[in-house]
Amino acid sequence: MRLFLLPLLLLAATTARAEPASAKALLPLFELAGIHLLCEQSAPLVQRGQDETEQKRLAQLFAGEAFCLDLAQRVAARFDAAQGEQARERLDSPLAQRFTAAERAVGEQPEGLAEYRQRLQEQPPRGARLELVKRLDAAARTTELASLLRYEVGKTQALLALRARGENLSEAELQAQTQTQANAIRQSSELAVESFMFYAYRQMPSDQLAEYAALYEHPSVSQLLAISLEVVPQLFSERREQLRQVAGKP
């Protein structure tokens, strides 16, 4: 009897570990990982240069709270509760909080970052510190997130410009026409991210920087970011399709 029960107990344990994460539980993780910034910035960036009527429509279509909730619901289907708890333990750790505080301090005095970037142009960083920053950027997917947001916003604004002229492009056609911009966007985003990290973390010891990178390299955090990066283009594409439908109405 005990031998018969063992596989059933193992199956039950596996099922418990695979309990899906809830969208509500993912929202705090999005904030800790910086994903919520992408949600919040989508509407303001897409609205730039549009008239008041269009801005109101875009504000509703790209509302940050609804965008993040939609994202959380899609991610939750591929991310289980155990992974969510593992990610939370790391993203809300004392180490992560120290780095987050350093990042926020830059926003309070942005002029310092501008001066620092000028010095970096004159004396580009090299060596182990540069490698650590690149490692952290790759692990936290910061350049990827920034590039993705800029690219998807650019595609949306291109569609809006076409729409204003009474023209339209399918998603595939729009992708083909804007693809060449992707590499340039990524390169400029990478430079901006690296200079920000060098400045924000300039007083952080290298061993802590390595530990922070390892935090993002943990499978739970890495998976959260990877799935989010896959889903965000889908959300933008669906919202652009709604813009096309509006354009097609008499």
C-alpha atoms as a PDB file:
ATOM      1  CA  MET A   1       0.000   0.000   0.000  1.00  0.00           C
ATOM      2  CA  ARG A   2       2.791   2.445   0.853  1.00  0.00           C
ATOM      3  CA  LEU A   3       4.505   1.799  -2.478  1.00  0.00           C
ATOM      4  CA  PHE A   4       1.215   2.444  -4.250  1.00  0.00           C
ATOM      5  CA  LEU A   5       0.653   5.716  -2.399  1.00  0.00           C
ATOM      6  CA  LEU A   6       4.131   7.097  -3.055  1.00  0.00           C
ATOM      7  CA  PRO A   7       3.549   8.009  -6.742  1.00  0.00           C
ATOM      8  CA  LEU A   8       0.243   9.627  -5.813  1.00  0.00           C
ATOM      9  CA  LEU A   9       1.892  11.716  -3.106  1.00  0.00           C
ATOM     10  CA  LEU A  10       4.626  12.774  -5.501  1.00  0.00           C
ATOM     11  CA  LEU A  11       2.011  13.726  -8.090  1.00  0.00           C
ATOM     12  CA  ALA A  12       0.123  15.765  -5.512  1.00  0.00           C
ATOM     13  CA  ALA A  13       3.315  17.582  -4.509  1.00  0.00           C
ATOM     14  CA  THR A  14       4.120  18.347  -8.142  1.00  0.00           C
ATOM     15  CA  THR A  15       0.626  19.679  -8.708  1.00  0.00           C
ATOM     16  CA  ALA A  16       0.924  21.943  -5.669  1.00  0.00           C
ATOM     17  CA  ARG A  17       4.222  23.372  -6.904  1.00  0.00           C
ATOM     18  CA  ALA A  18       2.698  24.051 -10.316  1.00  0.00           C
ATOM     19  CA  GLU A  19      -0.179  26.142  -8.951  1.00  0.00           C
ATOM     20  CA  PRO A  20      -0.566  29.074 -11.364  1.00  0.00           C
ATOM     21  CA  ALA A  21       0.409  32.510 -10.154  1.00  0.00           C
ATOM     22  CA  SER A  22      -2.412  35.010  -9.851  1.00  0.00           C
ATOM     23  CA  ALA A  23      -2.363  38.212 -11.870  1.00  0.00           C
ATOM     24  CA  LYS A  24      -2.900  40.187  -8.660  1.00  0.00           C
ATOM     25  CA  ALA A  25       0.184  38.602  -7.099  1.00  0.00           C
ATOM     26  CA  LEU A  26       2.292  39.473 -10.144  1.00  0.00           C
ATOM     27  CA  LEU A  27       1.542  43.197 -10.058  1.00  0.00           C
ATOM     28  CA  PRO A  28       3.837  43.875  -7.056  1.00  0.00           C
ATOM     29  CA  LEU A  29       6.544  41.836  -8.801  1.00  0.00           C
ATOM     30  CA  PHE A  30       6.188  44.029 -11.885  1.00  0.00           C
ATOM     31  CA  GLU A  31       6.834  47.062  -9.695  1.00  0.00           C
ATOM     32  CA  LEU A  32       9.855  45.476  -8.025  1.00  0.00           C
ATOM     33  CA  ALA A  33      11.319  44.390 -11.389  1.00  0.00           C
ATOM     34  CA  GLY A  34      10.681  47.732 -13.101  1.00  0.00           C
ATOM     35  CA  ILE A  35       8.179  46.258 -15.545  1.00  0.00           C
ATOM     36  CA  HIS A  36       5.441  48.571 -14.274  1.00  0.00           C
ATOM     37  CA  LEU A  37       7.431  51.555 -15.624  1.00  0.00           C
ATOM     38  CA  LEU A  38       6.898  50.196 -19.109  1.00  0.00           C
ATOM     39  CA  CYS A  39       3.153  50.044 -18.464  1.00  0.00           C
ATOM     40  CA  GLU A  40       3.044  53.559 -17.011  1.00  0.00           C
ATOM     41  CA  GLN A  41       5.122  55.157 -19.763  1.00  0.00           C
ATOM     42  CA  SER A  42       3.303  53.614 -22.707  1.00  0.00           C
ATOM     43  CA  ALA A  43       0.400  56.074 -22.840  1.00  0.00           C
ATOM     44  CA  PRO A  44       2.418  59.303 -22.309  1.00  0.00           C
ATOM     45  CA  LEU A  45       4.940  58.297 -24.971  1.00  0.00           C
ATOM     46  CA  VAL A  46       2.339  57.251 -27.529  1.00  0.00           C
ATOM     47  CA  GLN A  47       0.363  60.460 -26.915  1.00  0.00           C
ATOM     48  CA  ARG A  48       3.253  62.755 -27.837  1.00  0.00           C
ATOM     49  CA  GLY A  49       2.431  65.047 -30.734  1.00  0.00           C
ATOM     50  CA  GLN A  50      -1.219  64.005 -30.953  1.00  0.00           C
ATOM     51  CA  ASP A  51      -4.211  66.333 -30.776  1.00  0.00           C
ATOM     52  CA  GLU A  52      -6.430  66.439 -27.716  1.00  0.00           C
ATOM     53  CA  THR A  53      -9.048  64.043 -29.086  1.00  0.00           C
ATOM     54  CA  GLU A  54      -6.441  61.472 -30.049  1.00  0.00           C
ATOM     55  CA  GLN A  55      -4.663  61.849 -26.730  1.00  0.00           C
ATOM     56  CA  LYS A  56      -7.858  61.008 -24.853  1.00  0.00           C
ATOM     57  CA  ARG A  57      -8.420  57.919 -26.990  1.00  0.00           C
ATOM     58  CA  LEU A  58      -4.832  56.786 -26.501  1.00  0.00           C
ATOM     59  CA  ALA A  59      -4.958  57.453 -22.763  1.00  0.00           C
ATOM     60  CA  GLN A  60      -7.849  55.053 -22.488  1.00  0.00           C
ATOM     61  CA  LEU A  61      -6.390  52.458 -24.847  1.00  0.00           C
ATOM     62  CA  PHE A  62      -2.932  52.436 -23.209  1.00  0.00           C
ATOM     63  CA  ALA A  63      -3.956  53.172 -19.609  1.00  0.00           C
ATOM     64  CA  GLY A  64      -1.066  52.000 -17.431  1.00  0.00           C
ATOM     65  CA  GLU A  65      -3.087  50.132 -14.798  1.00  0.00           C
ATOM     66  CA  ALA A  66      -5.135  48.225 -17.363  1.00  0.00           C
ATOM     67  CA  PHE A  67      -2.041  47.543 -19.474  1.00  0.00           C
ATOM     68  CA  CYS A  68      -0.178  46.047 -16.502  1.00  0.00           C
ATOM     69  CA  LEU A  69      -3.191  43.979 -15.469  1.00  0.00           C
ATOM     70  CA  ASP A  70      -3.528  42.616 -18.986  1.00  0.00           C
ATOM     71  CA  LEU A  71       0.184  41.815 -18.968  1.00  0.00           C
ATOM     72  CA  ALA A  72      -0.079  40.130 -15.557  1.00  0.00           C
ATOM     73  CA  GLN A  73      -2.962  37.941 -16.715  1.00  0.00           C
ATOM     74  CA  ARG A  74      -0.979  36.732 -19.738  1.00  0.00           C
ATOM     75  CA  VAL A  75       2.198  36.144 -17.743  1.00  0.00           C
ATOM     76  CA  ALA A  76       0.318  34.318 -14.963  1.00  0.00           C
ATOM     77  CA  ALA A  77      -0.739  31.641 -17.436  1.00  0.00           C
ATOM     78  CA  ARG A  78       2.929  30.674 -17.848  1.00  0.00           C
ATOM     79  CA  PHE A  79       4.317  31.445 -14.390  1.00  0.00           C
ATOM     80  CA  ASP A  80       3.477  29.460 -11.264  1.00  0.00           C
ATOM     81  CA  ALA A  81       2.972  30.583  -7.679  1.00  0.00           C
ATOM     82  CA  ALA A  82       6.208  28.996  -6.443  1.00  0.00           C
ATOM     83  CA  GLN A  83       8.208  30.938  -9.032  1.00  0.00           C
ATOM     84  CA  GLY A  84       6.398  34.086  -7.967  1.00  0.00           C
ATOM     85  CA  GLU A  85       7.378  33.608  -4.336  1.00  0.00           C
ATOM     86  CA  GLN A  86      10.998  32.911  -5.286  1.00  0.00           C
ATOM     87  CA  ALA A  87      11.101  36.061  -7.418  1.00  0.00           C
ATOM     88  CA  ARG A  88       9.521  38.145  -4.650  1.00  0.00           C
ATOM     89  CA  GLU A  89      12.094  36.985  -2.090  1.00  0.00           C
ATOM     90  CA  ARG A  90      14.879  38.213  -4.352  1.00  0.00           C
ATOM     91  CA  LEU A  91      13.366  41.373  -5.793  1.00  0.00           C
ATOM     92  CA  ASP A  92      12.237  42.564  -2.349  1.00  0.00           C
ATOM     93  CA  SER A  93      15.465  41.622  -0.556  1.00  0.00           C
ATOM     94  CA  PRO A  94      17.531  44.196   1.390  1.00  0.00           C
ATOM     95  CA  LEU A  95      20.143  44.111  -1.385  1.00  0.00           C
ATOM     96  CA  ALA A  96      17.570  44.891  -4.067  1.00  0.00           C
ATOM     97  CA  GLN A  97      16.115  47.673  -1.923  1.00  0.00           C
ATOM     98  CA  ARG A  98      19.528  49.331  -1.606  1.00  0.00           C
ATOM     99  CA  PHE A  99      19.986  49.351  -5.364  1.00  0.00           C
ATOM    100  CA  THR A 100      16.455  50.622  -5.906  1.00  0.00           C
ATOM    101  CA  ALA A 101      17.119  53.488  -3.498  1.00  0.00           C
ATOM    102  CA  ALA A 102      20.248  54.371  -5.474  1.00  0.00           C
ATOM    103  CA  GLU A 103      18.225  54.426  -8.696  1.00  0.00           C
ATOM    104  CA  ARG A 104      15.567  56.685  -7.201  1.00  0.00           C
ATOM    105  CA  ALA A 105      18.218  59.079  -5.961  1.00  0.00           C
ATOM    106  CA  VAL A 106      19.256  59.695  -9.570  1.00  0.00           C
ATOM    107  CA  GLY A 107      15.732  60.803 -10.429  1.00  0.00           C
ATOM    108  CA  GLU A 108      15.847  63.353  -7.612  1.00  0.00           C
ATOM    109  CA  GLN A 109      18.985  64.992  -9.037  1.00  0.00           C
ATOM    110  CA  PRO A 110      19.049  64.257 -12.786  1.00  0.00           C
ATOM    111  CA  GLU A 111      21.570  66.997 -13.527  1.00  0.00           C
ATOM    112  CA  GLY A 112      24.271  64.875 -11.946  1.00  0.00           C
ATOM    113  CA  LEU A 113      23.603  62.085 -14.430  1.00  0.00           C
ATOM    114  CA  ALA A 114      23.921  64.479 -17.376  1.00  0.00           C
ATOM    115  CA  GLU A 115      27.328  65.653 -16.169  1.00  0.00           C
ATOM    116  CA  TYR A 116      28.459  62.091 -15.517  1.00  0.00           C
ATOM    117  CA  ARG A 117      27.450  61.001 -19.015  1.00  0.00           C
ATOM    118  CA  GLN A 118      29.567  63.773 -20.458  1.00  0.00           C
ATOM    119  CA  ARG A 119      32.590  62.516 -18.515  1.00  0.00           C
ATOM    120  CA  LEU A 120      31.940  58.964 -19.699  1.00  0.00           C
ATOM    121  CA  GLN A 121      32.070  60.144 -23.304  1.00  0.00           C
ATOM    122  CA  GLU A 122      35.479  61.638 -22.665  1.00  0.00           C
ATOM    123  CA  GLN A 123      36.731  58.635 -20.674  1.00  0.00           C
ATOM    124  CA  PRO A 124      34.752  55.483 -21.574  1.00  0.00           C
ATOM    125  CA  PRO A 125      34.726  52.903 -18.764  1.00  0.00           C
ATOM    126  CA  ARG A 126      36.721  49.703 -19.103  1.00  0.00           C
ATOM    127  CA  GLY A 127      37.672  46.640 -17.118  1.00  0.00           C
ATOM    128  CA  ALA A 128      35.880  44.481 -14.590  1.00  0.00           C
ATOM    129  CA  ARG A 129      33.394  47.181 -13.560  1.00  0.00           C
ATOM    130  CA  LEU A 130      32.185  47.516 -17.147  1.00  0.00           C
ATOM    131  CA  GLU A 131      31.755  43.764 -17.394  1.00  0.00           C
ATOM    132  CA  LEU A 132      29.705  43.754 -14.198  1.00  0.00           C
ATOM    133  CA  VAL A 133      27.429  46.492 -15.504  1.00  0.00           C
ATOM    134  CA  LYS A 134      26.959  44.628 -18.776  1.00  0.00           C
ATOM    135  CA  ARG A 135      26.223  41.449 -16.844  1.00  0.00           C
ATOM    136  CA  LEU A 136      23.591  43.221 -14.746  1.00  0.00           C
ATOM    137  CA  ASP A 137      22.031  44.848 -17.795  1.00  0.00           C
ATOM    138  CA  ALA A 138      21.769  41.472 -19.521  1.00  0.00           C
ATOM    139  CA  ALA A 139      20.336  39.777 -16.432  1.00  0.00           C
ATOM    140  CA  ALA A 140      17.810  42.505 -15.613  1.00  0.00           C
ATOM    141  CA  ARG A 141      16.950  42.855 -19.307  1.00  0.00           C
ATOM    142  CA  THR A 142      17.004  46.626 -18.822  1.00  0.00           C
ATOM    143  CA  THR A 143      18.189  47.509 -22.319  1.00  0.00           C
ATOM    144  CA  GLU A 144      15.731  45.029 -23.795  1.00  0.00           C
ATOM    145  CA  LEU A 145      12.813  46.536 -21.879  1.00  0.00           C
ATOM    146  CA  ALA A 146      13.792  50.093 -22.789  1.00  0.00           C
ATOM    147  CA  SER A 147      14.375  49.198 -26.449  1.00  0.00           C
ATOM    148  CA  LEU A 148      11.118  47.288 -26.668  1.00  0.00           C
ATOM    149  CA  LEU A 149       9.115  50.187 -25.276  1.00  0.00           C
ATOM    150  CA  ARG A 150      10.729  52.706 -27.631  1.00  0.00           C
ATOM    151  CA  TYR A 151      10.273  50.424 -30.639  1.00  0.00           C
ATOM    152  CA  GLU A 152       6.631  49.585 -29.951  1.00  0.00           C
ATOM    153  CA  VAL A 153       5.824  53.229 -29.253  1.00  0.00           C
ATOM    154  CA  GLY A 154       7.529  54.184 -32.523  1.00  0.00           C
ATOM    155  CA  LYS A 155       5.501  51.635 -34.461  1.00  0.00           C
ATOM    156  CA  THR A 156       2.304  52.914 -32.878  1.00  0.00           C
ATOM    157  CA  GLN A 157       3.121  56.525 -33.675  1.00  0.00           C
ATOM    158  CA  ALA A 158       3.939  55.535 -37.252  1.00  0.00           C
ATOM    159  CA  LEU A 159       0.502  53.977 -37.549  1.00  0.00           C
ATOM    160  CA  LEU A 160      -1.094  57.096 -36.092  1.00  0.00           C
ATOM    161  CA  ALA A 161       0.709  59.257 -38.673  1.00  0.00           C
ATOM    162  CA  LEU A 162      -0.539  57.028 -41.476  1.00  0.00           C
ATOM    163  CA  ARG A 163      -4.027  57.087 -40.053  1.00  0.00           C
ATOM    164  CA  ALA A 164      -3.988  60.881 -39.969  1.00  0.00           C
ATOM    165  CA  ARG A 165      -3.292  60.812 -43.737  1.00  0.00           C
ATOM    166  CA  GLY A 166      -6.126  58.378 -44.340  1.00  0.00           C
ATOM    167  CA  GLU A 167      -3.720  55.491 -44.903  1.00  0.00           C
ATOM    168  CA  ASN A 168      -3.202  52.219 -43.083  1.00  0.00           C
ATOM    169  CA  LEU A 169      -0.749  49.326 -42.795  1.00  0.00           C
ATOM    170  CA  SER A 170      -1.234  45.807 -41.533  1.00  0.00           C
ATOM    171  CA  GLU A 171       0.846  44.707 -38.550  1.00  0.00           C
ATOM    172  CA  ALA A 172       3.165  42.720 -40.817  1.00  0.00           C
ATOM    173  CA  GLU A 173       3.651  45.700 -43.159  1.00  0.00           C
ATOM    174  CA  LEU A 174       4.267  48.016 -40.221  1.00  0.00           C
ATOM    175  CA  GLN A 175       6.826  45.592 -38.807  1.00  0.00           C
ATOM    176  CA  ALA A 176       8.656  45.430 -42.131  1.00  0.00           C
ATOM    177  CA  GLN A 177       8.816  49.218 -42.476  1.00  0.00           C
ATOM    178  CA  THR A 178      10.097  49.853 -38.947  1.00  0.00           C
ATOM    179  CA  GLN A 179      12.425  46.873 -38.423  1.00  0.00           C
ATOM    180  CA  THR A 180      15.509  48.776 -39.564  1.00  0.00           C
ATOM    181  CA  GLN A 181      15.075  51.155 -36.627  1.00  0.00           C
ATOM    182  CA  ALA A 182      15.312  48.362 -34.047  1.00  0.00           C
ATOM    183  CA  ASN A 183      19.124  48.084 -34.035  1.00  0.00           C
ATOM    184  CA  ALA A 184      19.656  51.830 -33.696  1.00  0.00           C
ATOM    185  CA  ILE A 185      17.139  51.968 -30.857  1.00  0.00           C
ATOM    186  CA  ARG A 186      18.873  49.125 -29.060  1.00  0.00           C
ATOM    187  CA  GLN A 187      22.337  50.680 -29.383  1.00  0.00           C
ATOM    188  CA  SER A 188      21.251  54.052 -28.014  1.00  0.00           C
ATOM    189  CA  SER A 189      19.245  52.379 -25.241  1.00  0.00           C
ATOM    190  CA  GLU A 190      22.243  50.282 -24.233  1.00  0.00           C
ATOM    191  CA  LEU A 191      24.478  53.337 -23.925  1.00  0.00           C
ATOM    192  CA  ALA A 192      21.850  55.168 -21.869  1.00  0.00           C
ATOM    193  CA  VAL A 193      21.298  52.198 -19.563  1.00  0.00           C
ATOM    194  CA  GLU A 194      25.010  51.582 -18.987  1.00  0.00           C
ATOM    195  CA  SER A 195      25.723  55.209 -18.154  1.00  0.00           C
ATOM    196  CA  PHE A 196      22.749  55.271 -15.794  1.00  0.00           C
ATOM    197  CA  MET A 197      23.971  52.144 -14.004  1.00  0.00           C
ATOM    198  CA  PHE A 198      27.522  53.452 -13.703  1.00  0.00           C
ATOM    199  CA  TYR A 199      26.230  56.645 -12.123  1.00  0.00           C
ATOM    200  CA  ALA A 200      23.489  55.170  -9.919  1.00  0.00           C
ATOM    201  CA  TYR A 201      25.699  52.404  -8.544  1.00  0.00           C
ATOM    202  CA  ARG A 202      28.974  54.345  -8.417  1.00  0.00           C
ATOM    203  CA  GLN A 203      29.212  53.923  -4.631  1.00  0.00           C
ATOM    204  CA  MET A 204      28.191  50.261  -4.626  1.00  0.00           C
ATOM    205  CA  PRO A 205      31.061  47.777  -4.127  1.00  0.00           C
ATOM    206  CA  SER A 206      31.680  45.451  -7.051  1.00  0.00           C
ATOM    207  CA  ASP A 207      30.912  42.350  -4.997  1.00  0.00           C
ATOM    208  CA  GLN A 208      27.439  43.724  -4.252  1.00  0.00           C
ATOM    209  CA  LEU A 209      26.961  44.566  -7.920  1.00  0.00           C
ATOM    210  CA  ALA A 210      27.822  40.973  -8.792  1.00  0.00           C
ATOM    211  CA  GLU A 211      25.389  39.733  -6.150  1.00  0.00           C
ATOM    212  CA  TYR A 212      22.685  41.991  -7.576  1.00  0.00           C
ATOM    213  CA  ALA A 213      23.278  40.604 -11.068  1.00  0.00           C
ATOM    214  CA  ALA A 214      23.054  37.066  -9.685  1.00  0.00           C
ATOM    215  CA  LEU A 215      19.703  37.980  -8.164  1.00  0.00           C
ATOM    216  CA  TYR A 216      18.317  38.722 -11.634  1.00  0.00           C
ATOM    217  CA  GLU A 217      19.948  35.626 -13.036  1.00  0.00           C
ATOM    218  CA  HIS A 218      17.881  33.408 -10.744  1.00  0.00           C
ATOM    219  CA  PRO A 219      15.501  31.290 -12.892  1.00  0.00           C
ATOM    220  CA  SER A 220      12.362  32.737 -11.287  1.00  0.00           C
ATOM    221  CA  VAL A 221      13.272  36.370 -11.983  1.00  0.00           C
ATOM    222  CA  SER A 222      14.722  35.552 -15.392  1.00  0.00           C
ATOM    223  CA  GLN A 223      11.540  33.742 -16.389  1.00  0.00           C
ATOM    224  CA  LEU A 224       9.339  36.593 -15.204  1.00  0.00           C
ATOM    225  CA  LEU A 225      11.251  39.046 -17.380  1.00  0.00           C
ATOM    226  CA  ALA A 226      11.483  36.727 -20.391  1.00  0.00           C
ATOM    227  CA  ILE A 227       7.744  36.048 -20.497  1.00  0.00           C
ATOM    228  CA  SER A 228       6.946  39.738 -20.033  1.00  0.00           C
ATOM    229  CA  LEU A 229       9.208  40.647 -22.951  1.00  0.00           C
ATOM    230  CA  GLU A 230       7.339  38.150 -25.120  1.00  0.00           C
ATOM    231  CA  VAL A 231       3.893  39.392 -24.124  1.00  0.00           C
ATOM    232  CA  VAL A 232       4.370  43.168 -24.340  1.00  0.00           C
ATOM    233  CA  PRO A 233       4.574  43.234 -28.174  1.00  0.00           C
ATOM    234  CA  GLN A 234       1.323  41.258 -28.281  1.00  0.00           C
ATOM    235  CA  LEU A 235      -0.398  43.875 -26.127  1.00  0.00           C
ATOM    236  CA  PHE A 236       0.825  46.717 -28.330  1.00  0.00           C
ATOM    237  CA  SER A 237      -0.186  44.812 -31.465  1.00  0.00           C
ATOM    238  CA  GLU A 238      -3.705  44.257 -30.148  1.00  0.00           C
ATOM    239  CA  ARG A 239      -4.078  47.926 -29.280  1.00  0.00           C
ATOM    240  CA  ARG A 240      -2.825  48.973 -32.706  1.00  0.00           C
ATOM    241  CA  GLU A 241      -5.442  46.690 -34.227  1.00  0.00           C
ATOM    242  CA  GLN A 242      -8.077  48.582 -32.277  1.00  0.00           C
ATOM    243  CA  LEU A 243      -6.706  51.814 -33.754  1.00  0.00           C
ATOM    244  CA  ARG A 244      -7.038  50.302 -37.233  1.00  0.00           C
ATOM    245  CA  GLN A 245     -10.625  49.387 -36.560  1.00  0.00           C
ATOM    246  CA  VAL A 246     -11.377  52.937 -35.467  1.00  0.00           C
ATOM    247  CA  ALA A 247      -9.670  54.220 -38.613  1.00  0.00           C
ATOM    248  CA  GLY A 248     -11.824  51.965 -40.761  1.00  0.00           C
ATOM    249  CA  LYS A 249     -15.110  53.293 -39.355  1.00  0.00           C
ATOM    250  CA  PRO A 250     -16.951  55.907 -41.358  1.00  0.00           C
END
